[in-house]
Amino acid sequence: MSSAPRTKAVRVEDRGHVRILTLDRPERRNALDLADRIDLLAALRAAEVEARAVVLTGAGSVFSAGGDIRSMSQDRDVARQRLEVVNAVVRQLVTGERPVLAAVEGGAYGLGLALAAACDLVVAGRSATFSTSFGKIGLGPDTGLAYTLPRRVGQGRARELLLTVRTFDAAEAERIGAVETVVEDGTALDHAVELASRLAELSAPMVTGTRRILTQPDQSLDGVLAAEADLQVDLLAGRQFAEGRAAFLERRRPDFIGD
């Protein structure tokens, strides 16, 4: 007897120029196995060319409980394949062309926290909770969390959260910089979509270029100054700056989408 066709792990919805990607494994608290991660990577890559901004969220009461522990293998080759996929996911989130926002309700643990931390901005419900959680089952961080978390909260705080594996709430997450905005429970997605819509109306080359400066390997003063200069020269010569300048002089709102 053949098995039933597998349901995709990511539900896709468009609101204007914003693509909403919903982790859709609520029966597993959106814990992701290898096939789920492949689905997520494909959805992120599609959004790159089909939308101007992306919101990542979770179905049900939890953003994501992390990796699906039942699916984890001690076989080195299987483990390596699994990690290659999540590495590709975090590269797409951090270095892709489109801004990505996370809308977190309930909890974001382990891989769930790593996905949120890799997004440009995080909006969380007031009751949301967070944990690095990998250490609770004897594993180290993955999905880029050892890279993204220190860039959000600083080296010392990231070290404390990764080593103690404690759970922290949305209020603390906002205070230390793990999330940007805390809103009433049940409204994180709407707030994130509203913010993403504003980003989608901006100049796409400006947004992409700014994100690249913030994530480029050389974060020295000279490295950043050089990257800023290269970007600004390109933008000044581009059509979207011409539209922005014309709109300013004509006292109207610039149309970067239709330009």
C-alpha atoms as a PDB file:
ATOM      1  CA  MET A   1       0.000   0.000   0.000  1.00  0.00           C
ATOM      2  CA  SER A   2       1.403   3.399  -0.966  1.00  0.00           C
ATOM      3  CA  SER A   3       1.579   6.117   1.635  1.00  0.00           C
ATOM      4  CA  ALA A   4      -0.480   9.295   1.390  1.00  0.00           C
ATOM      5  CA  PRO A   5       1.250  12.196  -0.365  1.00  0.00           C
ATOM      6  CA  ARG A   6       3.268  14.327   1.988  1.00  0.00           C
ATOM      7  CA  THR A   7       1.909  17.764   2.885  1.00  0.00           C
ATOM      8  CA  LYS A   8       4.275  20.665   2.326  1.00  0.00           C
ATOM      9  CA  ALA A   9       5.687  22.032   5.571  1.00  0.00           C
ATOM     10  CA  VAL A  10       5.321  25.673   4.535  1.00  0.00           C
ATOM     11  CA  ARG A  11       2.039  27.407   3.743  1.00  0.00           C
ATOM     12  CA  VAL A  12       2.375  30.337   1.335  1.00  0.00           C
ATOM     13  CA  GLU A  13       0.192  33.441   1.262  1.00  0.00           C
ATOM     14  CA  ASP A  14       0.653  36.813  -0.424  1.00  0.00           C
ATOM     15  CA  ARG A  15      -0.615  40.101   0.957  1.00  0.00           C
ATOM     16  CA  GLY A  16       0.203  42.679  -1.644  1.00  0.00           C
ATOM     17  CA  HIS A  17       3.954  42.593  -2.198  1.00  0.00           C
ATOM     18  CA  VAL A  18       4.563  40.675   1.061  1.00  0.00           C
ATOM     19  CA  ARG A  19       4.996  36.887   1.005  1.00  0.00           C
ATOM     20  CA  ILE A  20       3.929  35.140   4.231  1.00  0.00           C
ATOM     21  CA  LEU A  21       5.613  31.786   4.866  1.00  0.00           C
ATOM     22  CA  THR A  22       3.944  29.808   7.645  1.00  0.00           C
ATOM     23  CA  LEU A  23       5.675  26.798   9.173  1.00  0.00           C
ATOM     24  CA  ASP A  24       2.735  24.403   9.023  1.00  0.00           C
ATOM     25  CA  ARG A  25       3.413  21.493  11.351  1.00  0.00           C
ATOM     26  CA  PRO A  26       1.222  22.530  14.331  1.00  0.00           C
ATOM     27  CA  GLU A  27       0.747  18.904  15.400  1.00  0.00           C
ATOM     28  CA  ARG A  28       4.508  18.848  16.021  1.00  0.00           C
ATOM     29  CA  ARG A  29       4.706  22.423  17.309  1.00  0.00           C
ATOM     30  CA  ASN A  30       6.359  23.242  13.980  1.00  0.00           C
ATOM     31  CA  ALA A  31       9.412  21.127  14.761  1.00  0.00           C
ATOM     32  CA  LEU A  32      11.156  20.615  11.417  1.00  0.00           C
ATOM     33  CA  ASP A  33      12.638  17.410  10.028  1.00  0.00           C
ATOM     34  CA  LEU A  34      14.947  17.255   7.004  1.00  0.00           C
ATOM     35  CA  ALA A  35      12.141  17.242   4.432  1.00  0.00           C
ATOM     36  CA  ASP A  36      10.492  20.213   6.171  1.00  0.00           C
ATOM     37  CA  ARG A  37      13.743  22.174   5.980  1.00  0.00           C
ATOM     38  CA  ILE A  38      14.026  21.430   2.274  1.00  0.00           C
ATOM     39  CA  ASP A  39      10.484  22.777   1.852  1.00  0.00           C
ATOM     40  CA  LEU A  40      11.400  25.930   3.786  1.00  0.00           C
ATOM     41  CA  LEU A  41      14.521  26.511   1.693  1.00  0.00           C
ATOM     42  CA  ALA A  42      12.530  26.149  -1.528  1.00  0.00           C
ATOM     43  CA  ALA A  43       9.866  28.556  -0.256  1.00  0.00           C
ATOM     44  CA  LEU A  44      12.459  31.166   0.720  1.00  0.00           C
ATOM     45  CA  ARG A  45      14.159  30.920  -2.663  1.00  0.00           C
ATOM     46  CA  ALA A  46      10.842  31.287  -4.475  1.00  0.00           C
ATOM     47  CA  ALA A  47       9.970  34.362  -2.395  1.00  0.00           C
ATOM     48  CA  GLU A  48      13.255  35.881  -3.498  1.00  0.00           C
ATOM     49  CA  VAL A  49      11.895  36.351  -7.017  1.00  0.00           C
ATOM     50  CA  GLU A  50       8.156  36.520  -6.363  1.00  0.00           C
ATOM     51  CA  ALA A  51       7.859  39.085  -3.530  1.00  0.00           C
ATOM     52  CA  ARG A  52       9.456  42.275  -2.224  1.00  0.00           C
ATOM     53  CA  ALA A  53       9.421  41.351   1.483  1.00  0.00           C
ATOM     54  CA  VAL A  54       8.860  38.163   3.468  1.00  0.00           C
ATOM     55  CA  VAL A  55       7.283  37.344   6.829  1.00  0.00           C
ATOM     56  CA  LEU A  56       8.105  34.008   8.472  1.00  0.00           C
ATOM     57  CA  THR A  57       5.675  32.719  11.109  1.00  0.00           C
ATOM     58  CA  GLY A  58       4.336  29.484  12.589  1.00  0.00           C
ATOM     59  CA  ALA A  59       0.913  27.829  12.547  1.00  0.00           C
ATOM     60  CA  GLY A  60      -0.825  27.125  15.827  1.00  0.00           C
ATOM     61  CA  SER A  61       0.389  28.187  19.249  1.00  0.00           C
ATOM     62  CA  VAL A  62       4.175  27.949  18.709  1.00  0.00           C
ATOM     63  CA  PHE A  63       6.474  29.620  16.182  1.00  0.00           C
ATOM     64  CA  SER A  64       8.758  26.593  16.156  1.00  0.00           C
ATOM     65  CA  ALA A  65       9.867  24.094  18.779  1.00  0.00           C
ATOM     66  CA  GLY A  66      13.085  23.605  16.777  1.00  0.00           C
ATOM     67  CA  GLY A  67      14.347  20.466  15.105  1.00  0.00           C
ATOM     68  CA  ASP A  68      12.249  17.311  15.072  1.00  0.00           C
ATOM     69  CA  ILE A  69      14.180  15.238  17.612  1.00  0.00           C
ATOM     70  CA  ARG A  70      12.553  11.976  16.468  1.00  0.00           C
ATOM     71  CA  SER A  71      14.023  12.465  13.015  1.00  0.00           C
ATOM     72  CA  MET A  72      17.583  13.164  14.197  1.00  0.00           C
ATOM     73  CA  SER A  73      20.077  10.514  13.173  1.00  0.00           C
ATOM     74  CA  GLN A  74      23.428   9.575  14.701  1.00  0.00           C
ATOM     75  CA  ASP A  75      24.646   8.592  11.252  1.00  0.00           C
ATOM     76  CA  ARG A  76      27.314  11.141  10.347  1.00  0.00           C
ATOM     77  CA  ASP A  77      26.399  11.329   6.667  1.00  0.00           C
ATOM     78  CA  VAL A  78      22.712  11.889   7.414  1.00  0.00           C
ATOM     79  CA  ALA A  79      23.583  14.506  10.043  1.00  0.00           C
ATOM     80  CA  ARG A  80      25.852  16.304   7.587  1.00  0.00           C
ATOM     81  CA  GLN A  81      23.113  16.404   4.939  1.00  0.00           C
ATOM     82  CA  ARG A  82      20.650  17.780   7.477  1.00  0.00           C
ATOM     83  CA  LEU A  83      23.066  20.516   8.516  1.00  0.00           C
ATOM     84  CA  GLU A  84      23.894  21.434   4.928  1.00  0.00           C
ATOM     85  CA  VAL A  85      20.217  22.198   4.379  1.00  0.00           C
ATOM     86  CA  VAL A  86      19.844  24.384   7.477  1.00  0.00           C
ATOM     87  CA  ASN A  87      23.077  26.151   6.544  1.00  0.00           C
ATOM     88  CA  ALA A  88      21.549  26.960   3.172  1.00  0.00           C
ATOM     89  CA  VAL A  89      18.384  28.204   4.913  1.00  0.00           C
ATOM     90  CA  VAL A  90      20.269  30.618   7.160  1.00  0.00           C
ATOM     91  CA  ARG A  91      22.418  31.852   4.255  1.00  0.00           C
ATOM     92  CA  GLN A  92      19.233  32.609   2.349  1.00  0.00           C
ATOM     93  CA  LEU A  93      17.749  34.479   5.317  1.00  0.00           C
ATOM     94  CA  VAL A  94      20.865  36.516   6.036  1.00  0.00           C
ATOM     95  CA  THR A  95      22.226  37.202   2.550  1.00  0.00           C
ATOM     96  CA  GLY A  96      19.142  37.005   0.320  1.00  0.00           C
ATOM     97  CA  GLU A  97      17.830  39.920  -1.719  1.00  0.00           C
ATOM     98  CA  ARG A  98      14.588  40.426   0.221  1.00  0.00           C
ATOM     99  CA  PRO A  99      14.099  41.600   3.808  1.00  0.00           C
ATOM    100  CA  VAL A 100      12.638  38.888   6.057  1.00  0.00           C
ATOM    101  CA  LEU A 101      10.697  39.513   9.253  1.00  0.00           C
ATOM    102  CA  ALA A 102       9.751  36.927  11.878  1.00  0.00           C
ATOM    103  CA  ALA A 103       6.348  36.979  13.588  1.00  0.00           C
ATOM    104  CA  VAL A 104       6.711  34.931  16.769  1.00  0.00           C
ATOM    105  CA  GLU A 105       3.827  33.716  18.893  1.00  0.00           C
ATOM    106  CA  GLY A 106       4.142  31.160  21.671  1.00  0.00           C
ATOM    107  CA  GLY A 107       7.708  29.930  21.580  1.00  0.00           C
ATOM    108  CA  ALA A 108      10.868  29.874  19.485  1.00  0.00           C
ATOM    109  CA  TYR A 109      13.305  27.221  20.663  1.00  0.00           C
ATOM    110  CA  GLY A 110      16.547  25.908  19.229  1.00  0.00           C
ATOM    111  CA  LEU A 111      16.220  25.992  15.453  1.00  0.00           C
ATOM    112  CA  GLY A 112      13.100  28.134  15.930  1.00  0.00           C
ATOM    113  CA  LEU A 113      15.090  30.802  17.741  1.00  0.00           C
ATOM    114  CA  ALA A 114      17.840  30.506  15.132  1.00  0.00           C
ATOM    115  CA  LEU A 115      15.378  31.121  12.299  1.00  0.00           C
ATOM    116  CA  ALA A 116      13.991  34.196  14.055  1.00  0.00           C
ATOM    117  CA  ALA A 117      17.451  35.533  14.908  1.00  0.00           C
ATOM    118  CA  ALA A 118      18.492  35.270  11.254  1.00  0.00           C
ATOM    119  CA  CYS A 119      15.625  37.530  10.164  1.00  0.00           C
ATOM    120  CA  ASP A 120      16.074  41.266   9.708  1.00  0.00           C
ATOM    121  CA  LEU A 121      13.411  42.165  12.270  1.00  0.00           C
ATOM    122  CA  VAL A 122      11.485  40.131  14.847  1.00  0.00           C
ATOM    123  CA  VAL A 123       7.987  40.935  16.107  1.00  0.00           C
ATOM    124  CA  ALA A 124       6.878  38.855  19.102  1.00  0.00           C
ATOM    125  CA  GLY A 125       3.669  38.386  21.032  1.00  0.00           C
ATOM    126  CA  ARG A 126       3.825  39.440  24.661  1.00  0.00           C
ATOM    127  CA  SER A 127       3.654  35.849  25.958  1.00  0.00           C
ATOM    128  CA  ALA A 128       6.305  34.491  23.593  1.00  0.00           C
ATOM    129  CA  THR A 129       9.253  32.644  25.111  1.00  0.00           C
ATOM    130  CA  PHE A 130      12.672  31.793  23.729  1.00  0.00           C
ATOM    131  CA  SER A 131      15.511  29.355  24.394  1.00  0.00           C
ATOM    132  CA  THR A 132      18.648  28.217  22.612  1.00  0.00           C
ATOM    133  CA  SER A 133      17.564  24.722  23.807  1.00  0.00           C
ATOM    134  CA  PHE A 134      20.145  22.693  21.800  1.00  0.00           C
ATOM    135  CA  GLY A 135      22.155  22.027  24.954  1.00  0.00           C
ATOM    136  CA  LYS A 136      19.185  20.382  26.677  1.00  0.00           C
ATOM    137  CA  ILE A 137      19.719  17.290  24.510  1.00  0.00           C
ATOM    138  CA  GLY A 138      23.501  17.506  24.405  1.00  0.00           C
ATOM    139  CA  LEU A 139      23.857  19.373  21.114  1.00  0.00           C
ATOM    140  CA  GLY A 140      25.590  22.596  20.173  1.00  0.00           C
ATOM    141  CA  PRO A 141      23.963  25.447  18.239  1.00  0.00           C
ATOM    142  CA  ASP A 142      23.292  25.237  14.535  1.00  0.00           C
ATOM    143  CA  THR A 143      21.341  27.128  11.853  1.00  0.00           C
ATOM    144  CA  GLY A 144      23.794  29.995  12.326  1.00  0.00           C
ATOM    145  CA  LEU A 145      22.715  30.820  15.892  1.00  0.00           C
ATOM    146  CA  ALA A 146      26.323  31.212  17.059  1.00  0.00           C
ATOM    147  CA  TYR A 147      26.647  33.896  14.356  1.00  0.00           C
ATOM    148  CA  THR A 148      23.288  35.682  14.491  1.00  0.00           C
ATOM    149  CA  LEU A 149      22.654  35.726  18.237  1.00  0.00           C
ATOM    150  CA  PRO A 150      25.905  37.545  19.211  1.00  0.00           C
ATOM    151  CA  ARG A 151      25.215  40.117  16.498  1.00  0.00           C
ATOM    152  CA  ARG A 152      21.852  40.774  18.112  1.00  0.00           C
ATOM    153  CA  VAL A 153      22.564  40.605  21.836  1.00  0.00           C
ATOM    154  CA  GLY A 154      26.372  40.844  22.101  1.00  0.00           C
ATOM    155  CA  GLN A 155      29.004  38.187  22.749  1.00  0.00           C
ATOM    156  CA  GLY A 156      28.617  38.005  26.514  1.00  0.00           C
ATOM    157  CA  ARG A 157      24.828  37.665  26.546  1.00  0.00           C
ATOM    158  CA  ALA A 158      24.888  35.199  23.648  1.00  0.00           C
ATOM    159  CA  ARG A 159      27.447  33.071  25.502  1.00  0.00           C
ATOM    160  CA  GLU A 160      25.243  33.054  28.609  1.00  0.00           C
ATOM    161  CA  LEU A 161      22.096  32.093  26.670  1.00  0.00           C
ATOM    162  CA  LEU A 162      23.846  29.383  24.634  1.00  0.00           C
ATOM    163  CA  LEU A 163      25.571  27.781  27.615  1.00  0.00           C
ATOM    164  CA  THR A 164      22.859  27.986  30.286  1.00  0.00           C
ATOM    165  CA  VAL A 165      20.076  27.116  27.810  1.00  0.00           C
ATOM    166  CA  ARG A 166      17.621  29.043  29.968  1.00  0.00           C
ATOM    167  CA  THR A 167      14.246  30.230  28.758  1.00  0.00           C
ATOM    168  CA  PHE A 168      13.654  33.982  28.500  1.00  0.00           C
ATOM    169  CA  ASP A 169      10.484  35.912  27.835  1.00  0.00           C
ATOM    170  CA  ALA A 170       9.526  38.497  25.233  1.00  0.00           C
ATOM    171  CA  ALA A 171      10.149  41.440  27.556  1.00  0.00           C
ATOM    172  CA  GLU A 172      13.752  40.360  28.127  1.00  0.00           C
ATOM    173  CA  ALA A 173      14.155  39.468  24.462  1.00  0.00           C
ATOM    174  CA  GLU A 174      13.211  43.023  23.525  1.00  0.00           C
ATOM    175  CA  ARG A 175      15.441  44.514  26.214  1.00  0.00           C
ATOM    176  CA  ILE A 176      18.551  42.623  25.072  1.00  0.00           C
ATOM    177  CA  GLY A 177      17.869  42.994  21.342  1.00  0.00           C
ATOM    178  CA  ALA A 178      16.791  39.469  20.430  1.00  0.00           C
ATOM    179  CA  VAL A 179      13.525  40.954  19.152  1.00  0.00           C
ATOM    180  CA  GLU A 180      12.725  44.458  17.960  1.00  0.00           C
ATOM    181  CA  THR A 181       9.031  44.762  18.823  1.00  0.00           C
ATOM    182  CA  VAL A 182       6.685  43.194  21.384  1.00  0.00           C
ATOM    183  CA  VAL A 183       2.952  43.380  20.678  1.00  0.00           C
ATOM    184  CA  GLU A 184      -0.253  41.966  22.117  1.00  0.00           C
ATOM    185  CA  ASP A 185      -0.628  38.208  21.768  1.00  0.00           C
ATOM    186  CA  GLY A 186      -2.233  37.159  18.517  1.00  0.00           C
ATOM    187  CA  THR A 187      -1.217  40.305  16.642  1.00  0.00           C
ATOM    188  CA  ALA A 188       2.432  39.591  15.797  1.00  0.00           C
ATOM    189  CA  LEU A 189       1.677  38.499  12.239  1.00  0.00           C
ATOM    190  CA  ASP A 190      -0.429  41.539  11.406  1.00  0.00           C
ATOM    191  CA  HIS A 191       2.200  43.890  12.860  1.00  0.00           C
ATOM    192  CA  ALA A 192       4.985  42.110  10.963  1.00  0.00           C
ATOM    193  CA  VAL A 193       3.047  42.246   7.678  1.00  0.00           C
ATOM    194  CA  GLU A 194       2.379  45.954   8.167  1.00  0.00           C
ATOM    195  CA  LEU A 195       6.074  46.601   8.751  1.00  0.00           C
ATOM    196  CA  ALA A 196       7.067  44.358   5.838  1.00  0.00           C
ATOM    197  CA  SER A 197       4.653  46.267   3.601  1.00  0.00           C
ATOM    198  CA  ARG A 198       6.463  49.486   4.467  1.00  0.00           C
ATOM    199  CA  LEU A 199       9.803  47.890   3.603  1.00  0.00           C
ATOM    200  CA  ALA A 200       8.349  46.578   0.342  1.00  0.00           C
ATOM    201  CA  GLU A 201       7.542  50.142  -0.729  1.00  0.00           C
ATOM    202  CA  LEU A 202      11.145  51.272  -0.343  1.00  0.00           C
ATOM    203  CA  SER A 203      13.817  51.145  -3.017  1.00  0.00           C
ATOM    204  CA  ALA A 204      14.722  47.476  -3.416  1.00  0.00           C
ATOM    205  CA  PRO A 205      18.381  48.204  -4.354  1.00  0.00           C
ATOM    206  CA  MET A 206      18.709  50.383  -1.236  1.00  0.00           C
ATOM    207  CA  VAL A 207      17.256  47.686   1.021  1.00  0.00           C
ATOM    208  CA  THR A 208      19.387  44.939  -0.504  1.00  0.00           C
ATOM    209  CA  GLY A 209      22.559  47.024  -0.435  1.00  0.00           C
ATOM    210  CA  THR A 210      22.061  48.110   3.173  1.00  0.00           C
ATOM    211  CA  ARG A 211      21.486  44.508   4.269  1.00  0.00           C
ATOM    212  CA  ARG A 212      24.683  43.454   2.499  1.00  0.00           C
ATOM    213  CA  ILE A 213      26.741  46.122   4.256  1.00  0.00           C
ATOM    214  CA  LEU A 214      25.418  44.997   7.639  1.00  0.00           C
ATOM    215  CA  THR A 215      26.290  41.349   7.011  1.00  0.00           C
ATOM    216  CA  GLN A 216      29.495  41.567   4.972  1.00  0.00           C
ATOM    217  CA  PRO A 217      32.516  39.782   6.495  1.00  0.00           C
ATOM    218  CA  ASP A 218      34.651  42.922   6.837  1.00  0.00           C
ATOM    219  CA  GLN A 219      32.985  44.958   9.591  1.00  0.00           C
ATOM    220  CA  SER A 220      36.035  47.145  10.239  1.00  0.00           C
ATOM    221  CA  LEU A 221      35.546  50.899   9.899  1.00  0.00           C
ATOM    222  CA  ASP A 222      37.468  50.975   6.625  1.00  0.00           C
ATOM    223  CA  GLY A 223      35.572  47.961   5.307  1.00  0.00           C
ATOM    224  CA  VAL A 224      32.196  49.514   6.074  1.00  0.00           C
ATOM    225  CA  LEU A 225      33.200  52.915   4.695  1.00  0.00           C
ATOM    226  CA  ALA A 226      34.320  51.304   1.432  1.00  0.00           C
ATOM    227  CA  ALA A 227      31.123  49.275   1.166  1.00  0.00           C
ATOM    228  CA  GLU A 228      28.986  52.354   1.864  1.00  0.00           C
ATOM    229  CA  ALA A 229      30.801  54.322  -0.807  1.00  0.00           C
ATOM    230  CA  ASP A 230      30.424  51.555  -3.403  1.00  0.00           C
ATOM    231  CA  LEU A 231      26.719  51.222  -2.664  1.00  0.00           C
ATOM    232  CA  GLN A 232      26.070  54.958  -2.667  1.00  0.00           C
ATOM    233  CA  VAL A 233      27.780  55.467  -6.022  1.00  0.00           C
ATOM    234  CA  ASP A 234      25.658  52.709  -7.550  1.00  0.00           C
ATOM    235  CA  LEU A 235      22.461  54.070  -6.021  1.00  0.00           C
ATOM    236  CA  LEU A 236      23.165  57.651  -7.091  1.00  0.00           C
ATOM    237  CA  ALA A 237      23.510  56.447 -10.667  1.00  0.00           C
ATOM    238  CA  GLY A 238      20.345  54.376 -10.528  1.00  0.00           C
ATOM    239  CA  ARG A 239      16.742  54.941 -11.619  1.00  0.00           C
ATOM    240  CA  GLN A 240      15.312  54.658  -8.131  1.00  0.00           C
ATOM    241  CA  PHE A 241      17.340  57.555  -6.774  1.00  0.00           C
ATOM    242  CA  ALA A 242      16.190  59.566  -9.800  1.00  0.00           C
ATOM    243  CA  GLU A 243      12.599  58.738  -8.834  1.00  0.00           C
ATOM    244  CA  GLY A 244      13.256  59.577  -5.173  1.00  0.00           C
ATOM    245  CA  ARG A 245      14.833  62.918  -6.042  1.00  0.00           C
ATOM    246  CA  ALA A 246      12.039  63.799  -8.462  1.00  0.00           C
ATOM    247  CA  ALA A 247       9.418  62.896  -5.869  1.00  0.00           C
ATOM    248  CA  PHE A 248      11.144  65.051  -3.257  1.00  0.00           C
ATOM    249  CA  LEU A 249      11.303  68.057  -5.582  1.00  0.00           C
ATOM    250  CA  GLU A 250       7.704  67.544  -6.696  1.00  0.00           C
ATOM    251  CA  ARG A 251       6.526  67.067  -3.095  1.00  0.00           C
ATOM    252  CA  ARG A 252       4.979  63.688  -3.724  1.00  0.00           C
ATOM    253  CA  ARG A 253       5.493  60.144  -2.476  1.00  0.00           C
ATOM    254  CA  PRO A 254       8.089  58.210  -4.507  1.00  0.00           C
ATOM    255  CA  ASP A 255       6.921  55.140  -6.420  1.00  0.00           C
ATOM    256  CA  PHE A 256       9.801  52.688  -6.093  1.00  0.00           C
ATOM    257  CA  ILE A 257       7.638  49.688  -7.010  1.00  0.00           C
ATOM    258  CA  GLY A 258       6.411  50.964 -10.356  1.00  0.00           C
ATOM    259  CA  ASP A 259       9.697  52.676 -11.260  1.00  0.00           C
END
